[in-house]
Amino acid sequence: MTNETELAERLLDVIENDIVPKTAEGVSHGNKLFGAAIVRKDDKSLVIAETNNEMENPLWHGEVHCLKRFYEMPKADRPDTRDCIFIATHEPCSLCLSAITWTGFDNFYYLFSHEDSRDSFAIPHDLKILKEVFTLEPGGYNAENAYWKSHSIRKLIRTLPEADRKRLEARIGKISAEYDRLSNQYQADKGDNDIPLN
């Protein structure tokens, strides 16, 4: 198994086993389905996983809420962000891109793209804000820059040997089905919440 295959396996493990259960709970309370986690680069052990908590505060997107909880950890237990991998279930919005930058991460990985958020999950705000506020077309932000490099988990998996690729793509299919279920639940219930951009 290649290092890239092991990394892809671990990223999917964290999404499936650490983020999704928190997201399912969050969606049951009216929050969106975005989540995030931080793992150590060296041994890929989980530091923290969190999910969207916009019902408490509209700024608590999955990534920002994860960072909030990360910085609530005792400093002695909190690794340097340069020694960590940041995982987002969905390609980070402009708020979350800024938060990842300000906290010093040099990377992030995501599973679902901005277009997936708009088209599959009926949450178009990421692309609309990038266009309306920053005049950026889809994909227009600099995915590799002086601060960090972003990585699509799906693109990573497409580079793997065929057997690994097929196995991991099937796994993404199962994870996607769970996110479809959570999205349907969120969309059905969102009229009951007061999130400004629901």
Protein backbone atom coordinates (compact mmCIF):
# COMPACT_ATOMS: atom_id res chain seq x y z
CA MET A 1 0.00 0.00 0.00
CA THR A 2 1.42 3.39 -0.98
CA ASN A 3 1.78 6.32 1.41
CA GLU A 4 -0.89 8.14 -0.60
CA THR A 5 -3.27 5.18 -0.23
CA GLU A 6 -2.67 5.06 3.51
CA LEU A 7 -3.31 8.79 3.76
CA ALA A 8 -6.53 8.56 1.76
CA GLU A 9 -7.70 5.63 3.92
CA ARG A 10 -7.03 7.60 7.09
CA LEU A 11 -8.76 10.75 5.84
CA LEU A 12 -11.86 8.72 5.01
CA ASP A 13 -11.64 6.93 8.39
CA VAL A 14 -11.72 10.26 10.19
CA ILE A 15 -14.64 11.57 8.12
CA GLU A 16 -16.66 8.38 8.49
CA ASN A 17 -15.92 7.50 12.12
CA ASP A 18 -15.19 10.81 13.84
CA ILE A 19 -16.93 13.59 11.90
CA VAL A 20 -20.11 11.94 10.56
CA PRO A 21 -21.47 10.89 13.99
CA LYS A 22 -21.03 14.45 15.29
CA THR A 23 -22.60 15.84 12.12
CA ALA A 24 -25.60 13.54 12.42
CA GLU A 25 -26.16 14.84 15.94
CA GLY A 26 -25.68 18.44 14.78
CA VAL A 27 -28.12 18.10 11.89
CA SER A 28 -30.70 16.70 14.31
CA HIS A 29 -30.51 20.07 16.09
CA GLY A 30 -30.86 22.12 12.89
CA ASN A 31 -27.21 22.67 11.94
CA LYS A 32 -25.74 22.29 8.45
CA LEU A 33 -23.83 19.15 7.52
CA PHE A 34 -20.29 20.56 7.33
CA GLY A 35 -17.61 19.12 9.60
CA ALA A 36 -13.87 19.16 10.15
CA ALA A 37 -11.06 17.44 12.00
CA ILE A 38 -7.41 17.84 12.81
CA VAL A 39 -4.93 14.95 12.81
CA ARG A 40 -1.21 14.84 13.48
CA LYS A 41 1.02 14.60 10.42
CA ASP A 42 3.41 12.09 11.95
CA ASP A 43 1.10 9.28 13.11
CA LYS A 44 -2.25 10.52 11.72
CA SER A 45 -3.80 10.30 15.19
CA LEU A 46 -6.92 12.34 15.77
CA VAL A 47 -6.49 15.58 17.69
CA ILE A 48 -10.11 16.77 17.44
CA ALA A 49 -13.20 16.42 15.26
CA GLU A 50 -16.16 18.76 15.19
CA THR A 51 -19.16 19.79 13.15
CA ASN A 52 -21.19 22.85 12.27
CA ASN A 53 -22.79 24.59 15.25
CA GLU A 54 -24.56 27.51 13.57
CA MET A 55 -27.59 27.16 15.82
CA GLU A 56 -25.41 28.50 18.63
CA ASN A 57 -23.57 31.08 16.51
CA PRO A 58 -23.74 31.57 12.71
CA LEU A 59 -19.94 31.86 12.66
CA TRP A 60 -19.49 28.30 13.97
CA HIS A 61 -19.08 26.66 10.57
CA GLY A 62 -17.66 23.15 10.80
CA GLU A 63 -14.08 24.28 10.30
CA VAL A 64 -14.32 27.34 12.55
CA HIS A 65 -16.06 25.39 15.29
CA CYS A 66 -13.33 22.74 15.07
CA LEU A 67 -10.69 25.45 15.42
CA LYS A 68 -12.57 27.01 18.34
CA ARG A 69 -12.56 23.67 20.17
CA PHE A 70 -8.91 23.08 19.20
CA TYR A 71 -7.87 26.34 20.87
CA GLU A 72 -9.94 25.50 23.95
CA MET A 73 -7.66 22.49 24.52
CA PRO A 74 -4.88 22.96 27.08
CA LYS A 75 -1.84 24.32 25.28
CA ALA A 76 0.27 21.37 26.44
CA ASP A 77 -2.12 18.98 24.65
CA ARG A 78 -2.42 21.04 21.48
CA PRO A 79 0.09 20.34 18.70
CA ASP A 80 1.45 23.11 16.51
CA THR A 81 -0.77 23.61 13.48
CA ARG A 82 2.25 23.15 11.19
CA ASP A 83 2.49 19.59 12.55
CA CYS A 84 -1.13 18.82 11.64
CA ILE A 85 -3.37 17.97 8.73
CA PHE A 86 -6.66 19.85 8.54
CA ILE A 87 -9.60 17.83 7.15
CA ALA A 88 -12.83 19.43 5.95
CA THR A 89 -15.77 17.40 4.76
CA HIS A 90 -16.61 20.15 2.27
CA GLU A 91 -14.34 22.60 0.47
CA PRO A 92 -14.02 25.50 2.91
CA CYS A 93 -15.95 28.71 2.34
CA SER A 94 -14.25 32.13 2.46
CA LEU A 95 -14.77 32.40 6.25
CA CYS A 96 -13.20 29.00 6.82
CA LEU A 97 -10.38 29.57 4.33
CA SER A 98 -9.47 32.66 6.33
CA ALA A 99 -9.70 30.82 9.65
CA ILE A 100 -7.42 28.03 8.41
CA THR A 101 -4.97 30.69 7.21
CA TRP A 102 -5.00 32.76 10.41
CA THR A 103 -4.38 29.67 12.55
CA GLY A 104 -1.25 28.70 10.63
CA PHE A 105 -2.15 25.43 8.92
CA ASP A 106 -0.07 24.80 5.82
CA ASN A 107 -2.60 22.39 4.30
CA PHE A 108 -6.15 21.17 4.19
CA TYR A 109 -7.94 18.24 2.57
CA TYR A 110 -11.62 18.18 1.60
CA LEU A 111 -14.03 15.56 0.24
CA PHE A 112 -16.89 17.51 -1.34
CA SER A 113 -16.29 20.54 -3.58
CA HIS A 114 -18.00 23.94 -3.55
CA GLU A 115 -20.01 22.73 -6.53
CA ASP A 116 -21.09 19.66 -4.56
CA SER A 117 -22.28 21.94 -1.74
CA ARG A 118 -24.33 23.92 -4.24
CA ASP A 119 -25.58 21.12 -6.49
CA SER A 120 -25.82 18.01 -4.29
CA PHE A 121 -26.55 19.62 -0.93
CA ALA A 122 -28.53 22.73 -2.04
CA ILE A 123 -26.27 25.09 -0.08
CA PRO A 124 -25.00 27.63 -2.66
CA HIS A 125 -23.64 30.27 -0.28
CA ASP A 126 -19.93 29.42 -0.61
CA LEU A 127 -19.86 30.08 -4.35
CA LYS A 128 -22.26 33.03 -4.14
CA ILE A 129 -20.11 34.78 -1.53
CA LEU A 130 -16.91 34.13 -3.47
CA LYS A 131 -18.59 35.67 -6.55
CA GLU A 132 -20.49 38.56 -4.93
CA VAL A 133 -17.90 39.66 -2.37
CA PHE A 134 -14.60 38.65 -3.97
CA THR A 135 -15.63 38.51 -7.69
CA LEU A 136 -14.18 35.00 -7.95
CA GLU A 137 -15.59 32.41 -10.30
CA PRO A 138 -15.90 28.80 -9.04
CA GLY A 139 -12.44 27.49 -8.28
CA GLY A 140 -11.06 31.02 -8.51
CA TYR A 141 -9.25 31.15 -5.19
CA ASN A 142 -5.57 30.21 -5.17
CA ALA A 143 -5.50 26.56 -4.06
CA GLU A 144 -1.73 26.69 -3.49
CA ASN A 145 -0.30 29.87 -2.03
CA ALA A 146 2.23 31.26 0.46
CA TYR A 147 0.09 30.05 3.39
CA TRP A 148 -1.23 26.60 2.47
CA LYS A 149 -1.90 24.01 -0.17
CA SER A 150 -5.38 22.56 -0.54
CA HIS A 151 -6.06 18.99 -1.61
CA SER A 152 -9.17 17.32 -2.96
CA ILE A 153 -9.45 13.82 -1.46
CA ARG A 154 -11.24 12.66 -4.62
CA LYS A 155 -8.39 13.93 -6.82
CA LEU A 156 -5.87 12.22 -4.54
CA ILE A 157 -7.75 8.94 -4.88
CA ARG A 158 -7.86 9.25 -8.68
CA THR A 159 -4.03 9.08 -8.70
CA LEU A 160 -3.88 5.73 -6.85
CA PRO A 161 -3.41 2.25 -8.32
CA GLU A 162 -6.64 0.90 -9.81
CA ALA A 163 -7.51 -1.60 -7.07
CA ASP A 164 -7.03 1.00 -4.32
CA ARG A 165 -8.85 3.63 -6.35
CA LYS A 166 -11.90 1.43 -6.93
CA ARG A 167 -12.08 0.37 -3.29
CA LEU A 168 -11.79 3.92 -1.99
CA GLU A 169 -14.23 5.32 -4.55
CA ALA A 170 -16.76 2.71 -3.40
CA ARG A 171 -16.16 3.86 0.15
CA ILE A 172 -16.75 7.48 -0.87
CA GLY A 173 -20.02 6.32 -2.42
CA LYS A 174 -21.17 5.02 0.97
CA ILE A 175 -20.06 8.19 2.75
CA SER A 176 -21.82 10.29 0.09
CA ALA A 177 -25.04 8.34 0.63
CA GLU A 178 -24.90 9.20 4.34
CA TYR A 179 -24.33 12.87 3.52
CA ASP A 180 -27.29 12.74 1.10
CA ARG A 181 -29.42 11.45 3.97
CA LEU A 182 -28.17 14.18 6.31
CA SER A 183 -28.73 16.81 3.61
CA ASN A 184 -32.32 15.70 3.11
CA GLN A 185 -32.90 15.92 6.86
CA TYR A 186 -31.34 19.39 7.05
CA GLN A 187 -33.32 20.68 4.06
CA ALA A 188 -36.58 19.30 5.46
CA ASP A 189 -36.04 20.99 8.83
CA LYS A 190 -34.20 24.22 7.98
CA GLY A 191 -37.36 26.31 7.97
CA ASP A 192 -37.52 25.79 11.73
CA ASN A 193 -34.16 27.45 12.44
CA ASP A 194 -32.98 31.05 12.36
CA ILE A 195 -29.58 30.63 10.69
CA PRO A 196 -29.18 33.78 8.52
CA LEU A 197 -27.99 31.89 5.41
CA ASN A 198 -29.77 28.58 5.64
